Amino acid sequence: MTQAITWPTPRTDGNFPVPQPSAALSFTGERMTTEMAGQIALEHYHRYCLARDLVAGLDVLDVASGEGYGSALLAGIAGSVTGVEIDPASVAHAQANYSFPNLSFVTGDALALPLVDAAVDVVVSFETLEHVADHQRFMSEVRRVLRPGGLLIVSTPDRLVYSAPGTVPNPYHVLELSVAAVYTLQAQHFANHSLLYQRAVLGSVLSTPDGRGWRSYERRSAGLIEATNGLARADYLIALASDAPLPETGSSIYLGQPVVHTAPAEGQDIRDIKARAEAAEAAYNQLIQSTSWWLTAPLRRLARMFR
């Protein structure tokens, strides 16, 4: 018989610290680091805030823990947190920058987790599935290290939105999933499962007191607003699965910095930087072309002499 884990309720309201490294890892183009801001930071921190609500006093495994900021955030409330990351340099960075008695980082593969059987209550793995081809093996490893009734929380892009026709494929992704594929994968390995949709937006939120009854009103063009139930066109899917009854999550919002009225100015700063970079590149290309003509001109004149 599956033993049900007692999920931490009620959630604790109020401020909680966000651990910061002495120096952030450099952004490689895919792995989230604490030097990042904007959409990618909103998405990742929101996921870890959701997980934090569910892990008070529990033993947690963070698969593909990267720089370690998320594992450290969870360690502020969890009983213990183990971050597993395949990149040794990232593990060394996390060990040096996030030192808590209930937090550890180890080098390991998501398809061969370096933990004994039934080691943790919760497995968290954000933006990992799309980087591996063998999803069945990943889920089997998760089941192996989870205790009876344990919980899996994963996030992954929705292939039909994130990689819609006409978009540029993400070169770091091996195999993305659709909503239907995520549901099927959950059902193959867990008795109970649910799905949340995630999308980073710049706008305004109206919510009922109990968080239910979400509606999306999206400005599709200058003359068109689309109304739909739920969150329209979500880029990411956050999946929860367990053999025990699932914890209540509901809808949520992560409010980042800057506030809306400063975003256009910061966006203009980025556009100015981009314009300067493009101008510099154009000047460089023009210089190369003129230099190339100057160097090859004598050869062209010599060739004409022998025609």
Protein backbone atom coordinates (compact mmCIF):
# COMPACT_ATOMS: atom_id res chain seq x y z
CA MET A 1 0.00 0.00 0.00
CA THR A 2 1.35 3.45 -0.92
CA GLN A 3 2.23 5.58 2.07
CA ALA A 4 0.97 9.14 1.65
CA ILE A 5 3.38 11.93 2.48
CA THR A 6 2.00 14.74 4.63
CA TRP A 7 2.35 17.82 2.46
CA PRO A 8 3.24 21.04 4.30
CA THR A 9 0.11 23.17 4.81
CA PRO A 10 -0.73 25.90 5.22
CA ARG A 11 1.92 27.65 3.16
CA THR A 12 4.00 30.22 5.00
CA ASP A 13 3.41 33.78 3.84
CA GLY A 14 6.03 36.49 4.17
CA ASN A 15 9.55 37.23 2.99
CA PHE A 16 12.23 34.61 2.45
CA PRO A 17 15.87 35.13 1.43
CA VAL A 18 17.21 34.42 -2.04
CA PRO A 19 20.77 33.03 -1.68
CA GLN A 20 23.31 34.80 -3.90
CA PRO A 21 26.70 33.48 -5.08
CA SER A 22 29.84 35.57 -4.67
CA ALA A 23 30.16 35.40 -8.47
CA ALA A 24 27.68 34.03 -11.00
CA LEU A 25 28.55 31.40 -13.56
CA SER A 26 28.81 32.81 -17.07
CA PHE A 27 25.74 32.29 -19.23
CA THR A 28 26.49 29.68 -21.90
CA GLY A 29 23.33 30.18 -23.91
CA GLU A 30 21.13 27.63 -22.15
CA ARG A 31 21.85 27.03 -18.44
CA MET A 32 20.17 29.61 -16.21
CA THR A 33 22.56 31.51 -13.92
CA THR A 34 22.03 34.25 -11.35
CA GLU A 35 23.51 36.87 -13.68
CA MET A 36 20.44 36.44 -15.89
CA ALA A 37 17.44 38.75 -15.71
CA GLY A 38 14.25 39.21 -17.68
CA GLN A 39 12.09 36.39 -18.97
CA ILE A 40 14.39 33.46 -18.23
CA ALA A 41 14.80 34.54 -14.60
CA LEU A 42 11.05 35.04 -14.16
CA GLU A 43 10.35 31.56 -15.48
CA HIS A 44 12.95 29.73 -13.38
CA TYR A 45 12.40 31.52 -10.08
CA HIS A 46 8.62 31.05 -10.37
CA ARG A 47 9.12 27.27 -10.71
CA TYR A 48 11.34 27.12 -7.65
CA CYS A 49 8.89 29.24 -5.65
CA LEU A 50 6.15 26.73 -6.49
CA ALA A 51 8.39 23.85 -5.39
CA ARG A 52 9.37 25.68 -2.20
CA ASP A 53 5.73 25.75 -1.12
CA LEU A 54 5.64 21.95 -1.24
CA VAL A 55 8.90 20.77 0.37
CA ALA A 56 8.97 22.09 3.97
CA GLY A 57 10.81 19.55 6.14
CA LEU A 58 11.14 17.01 3.30
CA ASP A 59 14.16 15.43 1.61
CA VAL A 60 14.53 16.83 -1.91
CA LEU A 61 16.54 15.92 -5.00
CA ASP A 62 17.12 18.70 -7.56
CA VAL A 63 18.08 17.04 -10.86
CA ALA A 64 20.17 19.19 -13.21
CA SER A 65 20.76 21.73 -10.45
CA GLY A 66 23.11 23.86 -12.57
CA GLU A 67 24.60 26.84 -10.76
CA GLY A 68 22.86 25.73 -7.56
CA TYR A 69 20.70 28.79 -6.85
CA GLY A 70 17.44 26.80 -6.97
CA SER A 71 18.67 24.03 -4.69
CA ALA A 72 19.85 26.70 -2.25
CA LEU A 73 16.44 28.38 -2.36
CA LEU A 74 14.73 25.09 -1.52
CA ALA A 75 17.22 24.37 1.27
CA GLY A 76 15.87 27.36 3.17
CA ILE A 77 12.75 25.33 4.04
CA ALA A 78 13.39 21.67 3.11
CA GLY A 79 14.76 19.06 5.49
CA SER A 80 17.58 18.31 3.07
CA VAL A 81 18.41 19.08 -0.56
CA THR A 82 20.77 17.25 -2.90
CA GLY A 83 21.63 18.92 -6.19
CA VAL A 84 22.77 16.60 -8.98
CA GLU A 85 24.45 18.16 -12.03
CA ILE A 86 26.35 16.53 -14.91
CA ASP A 87 28.79 19.45 -15.35
CA PRO A 88 31.66 19.21 -12.78
CA ALA A 89 32.49 22.92 -13.05
CA SER A 90 28.92 23.85 -12.12
CA VAL A 91 29.01 21.44 -9.17
CA ALA A 92 32.27 22.94 -7.92
CA HIS A 93 30.79 26.43 -8.24
CA ALA A 94 27.66 25.43 -6.33
CA GLN A 95 29.70 23.78 -3.55
CA ALA A 96 31.83 26.91 -3.18
CA ASN A 97 28.95 29.41 -3.19
CA TYR A 98 26.03 27.73 -1.42
CA SER A 99 27.07 26.33 1.93
CA PHE A 100 24.24 25.11 4.14
CA PRO A 101 24.27 22.12 6.52
CA ASN A 102 21.25 20.56 4.80
CA LEU A 103 22.49 21.15 1.22
CA SER A 104 24.91 19.12 -0.90
CA PHE A 105 25.90 18.99 -4.55
CA VAL A 106 27.20 15.96 -6.45
CA THR A 107 28.21 15.27 -10.03
CA GLY A 108 25.86 12.85 -11.74
CA ASP A 109 23.76 11.94 -14.76
CA ALA A 110 19.97 12.37 -14.81
CA LEU A 111 19.75 8.90 -16.37
CA ALA A 112 21.89 7.29 -13.64
CA LEU A 113 21.19 9.25 -10.46
CA PRO A 114 23.92 8.85 -7.79
CA LEU A 115 21.44 8.11 -4.97
CA VAL A 116 20.32 4.92 -3.29
CA ASP A 117 16.80 3.62 -3.74
CA ALA A 118 13.97 5.42 -1.90
CA ALA A 119 16.26 8.27 -0.83
CA VAL A 120 14.01 11.34 -1.15
CA ASP A 121 10.44 12.55 -0.75
CA VAL A 122 10.45 14.98 -3.69
CA VAL A 123 12.30 15.12 -7.02
CA VAL A 124 12.49 18.52 -8.69
CA SER A 125 13.81 18.76 -12.26
CA PHE A 126 13.29 21.92 -14.23
CA GLU A 127 14.09 22.11 -17.96
CA THR A 128 15.76 18.69 -18.06
CA LEU A 129 13.47 16.39 -20.05
CA GLU A 130 14.09 18.16 -23.35
CA HIS A 131 17.85 17.58 -22.96
CA VAL A 132 17.61 13.76 -22.87
CA ALA A 133 16.36 11.32 -25.47
CA ASP A 134 15.41 8.47 -23.13
CA HIS A 135 12.48 9.85 -21.14
CA GLN A 136 11.44 6.42 -19.93
CA ARG A 137 14.82 5.85 -18.32
CA PHE A 138 14.69 9.26 -16.70
CA MET A 139 11.28 8.51 -15.17
CA SER A 140 12.44 5.08 -14.03
CA GLU A 141 15.38 6.66 -12.21
CA VAL A 142 13.03 9.15 -10.57
CA ARG A 143 10.77 6.32 -9.39
CA ARG A 144 13.78 4.44 -8.05
CA VAL A 145 15.02 7.27 -5.80
CA LEU A 146 11.54 8.41 -4.66
CA ARG A 147 10.08 7.03 -1.47
CA PRO A 148 6.58 5.52 -1.62
CA GLY A 149 4.08 8.30 -2.24
CA GLY A 150 6.86 10.71 -3.24
CA LEU A 151 6.31 13.64 -5.58
CA LEU A 152 7.90 14.56 -8.92
CA ILE A 153 7.83 18.18 -10.13
CA VAL A 154 9.23 18.75 -13.62
CA SER A 155 9.05 21.50 -16.19
CA THR A 156 9.61 21.29 -19.93
CA PRO A 157 8.73 23.38 -23.00
CA ASP A 158 5.54 22.58 -24.88
CA ARG A 159 6.90 21.54 -28.27
CA LEU A 160 3.84 22.77 -30.14
CA VAL A 161 4.23 26.29 -28.72
CA TYR A 162 7.94 26.63 -27.96
CA SER A 163 8.98 25.09 -31.28
CA ALA A 164 6.03 26.10 -33.40
CA PRO A 165 6.45 26.08 -37.19
CA GLY A 166 8.56 29.03 -38.30
CA THR A 167 10.55 29.29 -35.06
CA VAL A 168 14.27 28.62 -34.80
CA PRO A 169 14.95 25.24 -33.09
CA ASN A 170 16.82 25.33 -29.78
CA PRO A 171 20.19 23.67 -30.54
CA TYR A 172 20.54 22.49 -26.93
CA HIS A 173 17.30 20.47 -26.96
CA VAL A 174 17.34 16.78 -27.85
CA LEU A 175 13.68 15.77 -27.62
CA GLU A 176 10.83 18.12 -26.71
CA LEU A 177 7.34 16.98 -25.68
CA SER A 178 3.81 18.11 -26.40
CA VAL A 179 1.08 18.38 -23.75
CA ALA A 180 -0.27 14.97 -24.77
CA ALA A 181 3.19 13.42 -24.53
CA VAL A 182 3.74 14.82 -21.03
CA TYR A 183 0.37 13.45 -19.87
CA THR A 184 1.20 10.04 -21.33
CA LEU A 185 4.64 9.97 -19.70
CA GLN A 186 3.17 10.86 -16.30
CA ALA A 187 0.42 8.28 -16.56
CA GLN A 188 2.88 5.53 -17.46
CA HIS A 189 4.77 5.97 -14.19
CA PHE A 190 2.42 7.52 -11.60
CA ALA A 191 -1.13 6.90 -10.44
CA ASN A 192 -1.91 10.61 -10.04
CA HIS A 193 -0.71 13.54 -12.10
CA SER A 194 -1.57 17.13 -12.98
CA LEU A 195 -0.30 19.90 -15.21
CA LEU A 196 0.25 23.63 -14.87
CA TYR A 197 0.85 25.95 -17.80
CA GLN A 198 3.53 28.64 -17.55
CA ARG A 199 4.06 31.75 -19.62
CA ALA A 200 6.11 34.86 -18.84
CA VAL A 201 4.11 37.99 -19.55
CA LEU A 202 4.28 41.75 -19.15
CA GLY A 203 0.84 42.87 -18.14
CA SER A 204 -1.70 42.93 -15.33
CA VAL A 205 -3.30 40.12 -13.31
CA LEU A 206 -6.82 39.95 -11.85
CA SER A 207 -7.52 36.95 -9.62
CA THR A 208 -10.41 35.72 -7.49
CA PRO A 209 -9.54 35.38 -3.77
CA ASP A 210 -9.28 31.60 -4.03
CA GLY A 211 -7.18 31.73 -7.21
CA ARG A 212 -9.70 29.89 -9.37
CA GLY A 213 -11.53 31.01 -12.48
CA TRP A 214 -8.56 32.21 -14.51
CA ARG A 215 -9.25 33.96 -17.81
CA SER A 216 -6.73 35.20 -20.38
CA TYR A 217 -7.25 38.42 -22.32
CA GLU A 218 -4.41 38.68 -24.81
CA ARG A 219 -3.67 41.60 -27.13
CA ARG A 220 -3.06 39.74 -30.39
CA SER A 221 -2.77 42.85 -32.55
CA ALA A 222 -3.59 46.56 -32.52
CA GLY A 223 -7.23 45.78 -33.24
CA LEU A 224 -7.74 42.40 -31.62
CA ILE A 225 -7.94 41.01 -28.06
CA GLU A 226 -8.46 37.29 -27.57
CA ALA A 227 -10.37 35.93 -24.54
CA THR A 228 -9.84 32.31 -23.42
CA ASN A 229 -10.21 30.20 -20.30
CA GLY A 230 -6.97 29.47 -18.46
CA LEU A 231 -3.58 30.70 -19.64
CA ALA A 232 -3.36 31.00 -23.41
CA ARG A 233 -0.34 29.84 -25.41
CA ALA A 234 1.82 28.79 -22.46
CA ASP A 235 5.42 28.09 -23.47
CA TYR A 236 6.19 25.75 -20.58
CA LEU A 237 4.50 22.89 -18.75
CA ILE A 238 5.02 22.10 -15.05
CA ALA A 239 3.99 18.54 -14.26
CA LEU A 240 3.33 17.04 -10.83
CA ALA A 241 3.04 13.29 -10.34
CA SER A 242 2.79 10.88 -7.42
CA ASP A 243 1.17 7.62 -6.43
CA ALA A 244 -0.23 9.45 -3.40
CA PRO A 245 -2.85 12.21 -3.59
CA LEU A 246 -1.30 15.32 -5.08
CA PRO A 247 -0.73 18.50 -3.05
CA GLU A 248 -2.93 21.47 -3.84
CA THR A 249 -1.12 24.01 -6.00
CA GLY A 250 -3.61 26.31 -7.69
CA SER A 251 -2.63 29.24 -9.86
CA SER A 252 0.14 31.65 -8.93
CA ILE A 253 2.05 34.65 -10.19
CA TYR A 254 5.72 35.57 -9.83
CA LEU A 255 6.34 39.32 -9.78
CA GLY A 256 9.87 40.25 -10.76
CA GLN A 257 11.90 43.40 -11.11
CA PRO A 258 11.66 45.87 -12.75
CA VAL A 259 8.08 46.99 -12.45
CA VAL A 260 6.09 47.49 -15.61
CA HIS A 261 6.57 51.25 -15.97
CA THR A 262 10.39 50.90 -16.07
CA ALA A 263 10.46 47.98 -18.52
CA PRO A 264 10.09 50.07 -21.71
CA ALA A 265 13.11 52.18 -20.72
CA GLU A 266 15.21 49.09 -20.03
CA GLY A 267 14.00 47.59 -23.30
CA GLN A 268 15.14 50.75 -25.08
CA ASP A 269 18.58 50.39 -23.46
CA ILE A 270 18.82 46.88 -24.90
CA ARG A 271 17.70 48.10 -28.32
CA ASP A 272 20.33 50.88 -28.21
CA ILE A 273 23.06 48.37 -27.39
CA LYS A 274 21.90 46.10 -30.20
CA ALA A 275 21.86 49.02 -32.68
CA ARG A 276 25.40 50.02 -31.71
CA ALA A 277 26.59 46.44 -32.08
CA GLU A 278 24.99 46.13 -35.52
CA ALA A 279 26.55 49.43 -36.63
CA ALA A 280 29.97 48.31 -35.44
CA GLU A 281 29.59 45.00 -37.29
CA ALA A 282 28.59 46.80 -40.49
CA ALA A 283 31.60 49.13 -40.23
CA TYR A 284 33.88 46.16 -39.65
CA ASN A 285 32.53 44.31 -42.69
CA GLN A 286 32.98 47.41 -44.83
CA LEU A 287 36.57 47.75 -43.64
CA ILE A 288 37.28 44.10 -44.46
CA GLN A 289 35.83 44.50 -47.93
CA SER A 290 37.84 47.67 -48.66
CA THR A 291 41.02 46.13 -47.25
CA SER A 292 40.53 43.00 -49.31
CA TRP A 293 40.12 45.11 -52.48
CA TRP A 294 43.30 47.10 -51.66
CA LEU A 295 45.35 43.93 -51.11
CA THR A 296 44.15 42.12 -54.22
CA ALA A 297 44.18 45.11 -56.63
CA PRO A 298 47.88 44.60 -57.68
CA LEU A 299 47.18 40.95 -58.48
CA ARG A 300 44.19 41.89 -60.60
CA ARG A 301 46.28 44.43 -62.53
CA LEU A 302 48.99 41.83 -63.10
CA ALA A 303 46.46 39.31 -64.36
CA ARG A 304 45.12 41.81 -66.91
CA MET A 305 48.65 42.24 -68.34
CA PHE A 306 48.72 38.57 -69.41
CA ARG A 307 45.30 38.43 -71.03
